[in-house]
Amino acid sequence: MWRIAHQTTRRQYAGGVLFLMQADLTGLSSPLGRIVIALGLLAAIVVAVRFLWENRNRR
C-alpha cells in the first residue's frame, strides 16, 4: 500500500534534460558576451553615481 500511494502519476518530460543541456543560444556565456554584460553593468553604475553626485545638494 505504501508503494502504491507514493508512485508518481505524472509522466516526466523527457525533453527537460535535453533543454538544460543545450548550448547557450544567446552567446552571453561567451567571453565577449561576459565583457559586454560587464561593460553594461559598469555603465549603469557610472550613470547612477553621476545622477546622485549631481543631485546631492538638492534637498
N, C-alpha and C. Protein backbone atom coordinates (compact mmCIF):
# COMPACT_ATOMS: atom_id res chain seq x y z
N MET A 1 0.83 -1.19 0.00
CA MET A 1 0.00 0.00 0.00
C MET A 1 0.87 1.26 0.00
N TRP A 2 1.94 1.27 0.74
CA TRP A 2 2.81 2.44 0.80
C TRP A 2 3.39 2.76 -0.57
N ARG A 3 3.82 1.74 -1.29
CA ARG A 3 4.40 1.95 -2.61
C ARG A 3 3.36 2.45 -3.61
N ILE A 4 2.17 1.97 -3.51
CA ILE A 4 1.12 2.39 -4.43
C ILE A 4 0.76 3.85 -4.19
N ALA A 5 0.70 4.26 -2.94
CA ALA A 5 0.29 5.63 -2.61
C ALA A 5 1.34 6.65 -3.03
N HIS A 6 2.58 6.27 -3.07
CA HIS A 6 3.64 7.22 -3.37
C HIS A 6 4.23 7.09 -4.77
N GLN A 7 3.55 6.41 -5.65
CA GLN A 7 4.02 6.34 -7.02
C GLN A 7 3.66 7.64 -7.74
N THR A 8 4.54 8.05 -8.60
CA THR A 8 4.24 9.26 -9.37
C THR A 8 3.25 8.92 -10.46
N THR A 9 2.25 9.76 -10.61
CA THR A 9 1.22 9.51 -11.60
C THR A 9 1.46 10.33 -12.86
N ARG A 10 2.27 11.39 -12.76
CA ARG A 10 2.55 12.21 -13.93
C ARG A 10 3.76 11.68 -14.67
N ARG A 11 3.72 11.78 -15.97
CA ARG A 11 4.89 11.41 -16.76
C ARG A 11 5.91 12.54 -16.69
N GLN A 12 7.14 12.19 -16.60
CA GLN A 12 8.20 13.19 -16.59
C GLN A 12 8.46 13.65 -18.02
N TYR A 13 8.74 14.94 -18.19
CA TYR A 13 9.00 15.50 -19.50
C TYR A 13 10.39 15.08 -19.94
N ALA A 14 10.46 14.27 -20.97
CA ALA A 14 11.74 13.72 -21.42
C ALA A 14 12.64 14.79 -22.01
N GLY A 15 12.09 15.85 -22.57
CA GLY A 15 12.90 16.88 -23.19
C GLY A 15 13.50 17.85 -22.20
N GLY A 16 13.10 17.77 -20.93
CA GLY A 16 13.60 18.70 -19.93
C GLY A 16 15.09 18.61 -19.72
N VAL A 17 15.61 17.40 -19.71
CA VAL A 17 17.04 17.21 -19.50
C VAL A 17 17.81 17.73 -20.71
N LEU A 18 17.31 17.47 -21.89
CA LEU A 18 17.98 17.96 -23.09
C LEU A 18 17.94 19.47 -23.17
N PHE A 19 16.83 20.06 -22.70
CA PHE A 19 16.72 21.52 -22.72
C PHE A 19 17.77 22.16 -21.83
N LEU A 20 18.03 21.57 -20.68
CA LEU A 20 19.02 22.13 -19.76
C LEU A 20 20.44 21.92 -20.27
N MET A 21 20.65 20.94 -21.13
CA MET A 21 21.99 20.65 -21.60
C MET A 21 22.33 21.36 -22.91
N GLN A 22 21.37 22.10 -23.47
CA GLN A 22 21.63 22.77 -24.74
C GLN A 22 22.64 23.89 -24.55
N ALA A 23 23.32 24.20 -25.63
CA ALA A 23 24.28 25.29 -25.59
C ALA A 23 23.54 26.62 -25.47
N ASP A 24 24.22 27.63 -24.97
CA ASP A 24 23.64 28.95 -24.82
C ASP A 24 23.46 29.57 -26.20
N LEU A 25 22.22 29.73 -26.61
CA LEU A 25 21.93 30.23 -27.95
C LEU A 25 22.10 31.74 -28.05
N THR A 26 22.09 32.44 -26.91
CA THR A 26 22.22 33.90 -26.95
C THR A 26 23.66 34.35 -27.07
N GLY A 27 24.61 33.51 -26.70
CA GLY A 27 26.01 33.88 -26.77
C GLY A 27 26.49 34.66 -25.56
N LEU A 28 25.64 34.79 -24.53
CA LEU A 28 26.01 35.58 -23.36
C LEU A 28 27.02 34.85 -22.47
N SER A 29 27.20 33.57 -22.67
CA SER A 29 28.18 32.84 -21.87
C SER A 29 29.58 32.89 -22.49
N SER A 30 29.68 33.40 -23.69
CA SER A 30 30.98 33.51 -24.33
C SER A 30 31.79 34.61 -23.66
N PRO A 31 33.10 34.61 -23.83
CA PRO A 31 33.92 35.67 -23.23
C PRO A 31 33.51 37.07 -23.69
N LEU A 32 33.19 37.20 -24.96
CA LEU A 32 32.74 38.51 -25.47
C LEU A 32 31.42 38.92 -24.83
N GLY A 33 30.51 37.98 -24.68
CA GLY A 33 29.23 38.26 -24.03
C GLY A 33 29.41 38.70 -22.59
N ARG A 34 30.33 38.05 -21.89
CA ARG A 34 30.59 38.44 -20.50
C ARG A 34 31.18 39.84 -20.41
N ILE A 35 32.03 40.19 -21.37
CA ILE A 35 32.60 41.54 -21.39
C ILE A 35 31.52 42.57 -21.65
N VAL A 36 30.62 42.27 -22.59
CA VAL A 36 29.52 43.18 -22.90
C VAL A 36 28.62 43.38 -21.68
N ILE A 37 28.31 42.30 -20.98
CA ILE A 37 27.49 42.40 -19.77
C ILE A 37 28.21 43.22 -18.71
N ALA A 38 29.50 42.98 -18.51
CA ALA A 38 30.27 43.73 -17.52
C ALA A 38 30.32 45.22 -17.86
N LEU A 39 30.52 45.55 -19.14
CA LEU A 39 30.54 46.95 -19.55
C LEU A 39 29.18 47.62 -19.36
N GLY A 40 28.12 46.90 -19.63
CA GLY A 40 26.77 47.43 -19.42
C GLY A 40 26.50 47.70 -17.95
N LEU A 41 26.93 46.78 -17.09
CA LEU A 41 26.77 46.97 -15.65
C LEU A 41 27.59 48.15 -15.17
N LEU A 42 28.82 48.27 -15.65
CA LEU A 42 29.67 49.39 -15.27
C LEU A 42 29.06 50.71 -15.73
N ALA A 43 28.51 50.75 -16.93
CA ALA A 43 27.87 51.97 -17.44
C ALA A 43 26.67 52.35 -16.58
N ALA A 44 25.88 51.38 -16.17
CA ALA A 44 24.72 51.67 -15.31
C ALA A 44 25.16 52.23 -13.96
N ILE A 45 26.24 51.69 -13.41
CA ILE A 45 26.76 52.19 -12.13
C ILE A 45 27.27 53.62 -12.29
N VAL A 46 27.98 53.90 -13.38
CA VAL A 46 28.51 55.25 -13.62
C VAL A 46 27.37 56.25 -13.76
N VAL A 47 26.34 55.89 -14.50
CA VAL A 47 25.19 56.79 -14.67
C VAL A 47 24.51 57.04 -13.33
N ALA A 48 24.35 56.02 -12.52
CA ALA A 48 23.71 56.19 -11.21
C ALA A 48 24.55 57.07 -10.30
N VAL A 49 25.87 56.87 -10.29
CA VAL A 49 26.75 57.69 -9.45
C VAL A 49 26.74 59.14 -9.91
N ARG A 50 26.76 59.38 -11.21
CA ARG A 50 26.71 60.76 -11.72
C ARG A 50 25.40 61.43 -11.34
N PHE A 51 24.29 60.69 -11.45
CA PHE A 51 22.99 61.25 -11.08
C PHE A 51 22.97 61.62 -9.60
N LEU A 52 23.45 60.72 -8.76
CA LEU A 52 23.47 61.00 -7.31
C LEU A 52 24.43 62.14 -6.98
N TRP A 53 25.56 62.21 -7.68
CA TRP A 53 26.53 63.27 -7.42
C TRP A 53 25.97 64.65 -7.79
N GLU A 54 25.28 64.72 -8.91
CA GLU A 54 24.72 66.00 -9.35
C GLU A 54 23.54 66.44 -8.49
N ASN A 55 22.83 65.53 -7.90
CA ASN A 55 21.65 65.85 -7.10
C ASN A 55 21.90 65.74 -5.62
N ARG A 56 23.13 65.76 -5.18
CA ARG A 56 23.44 65.56 -3.77
C ARG A 56 23.04 66.74 -2.90
N ASN A 57 22.98 67.97 -3.45
CA ASN A 57 22.67 69.15 -2.64
C ASN A 57 21.26 69.68 -2.89
N ARG A 58 20.43 68.95 -3.57
CA ARG A 58 19.07 69.42 -3.89
C ARG A 58 18.04 68.83 -2.93
N ARG A 59 18.07 69.25 -1.71
CA ARG A 59 17.09 68.72 -0.75
C ARG A 59 16.10 69.74 -0.35
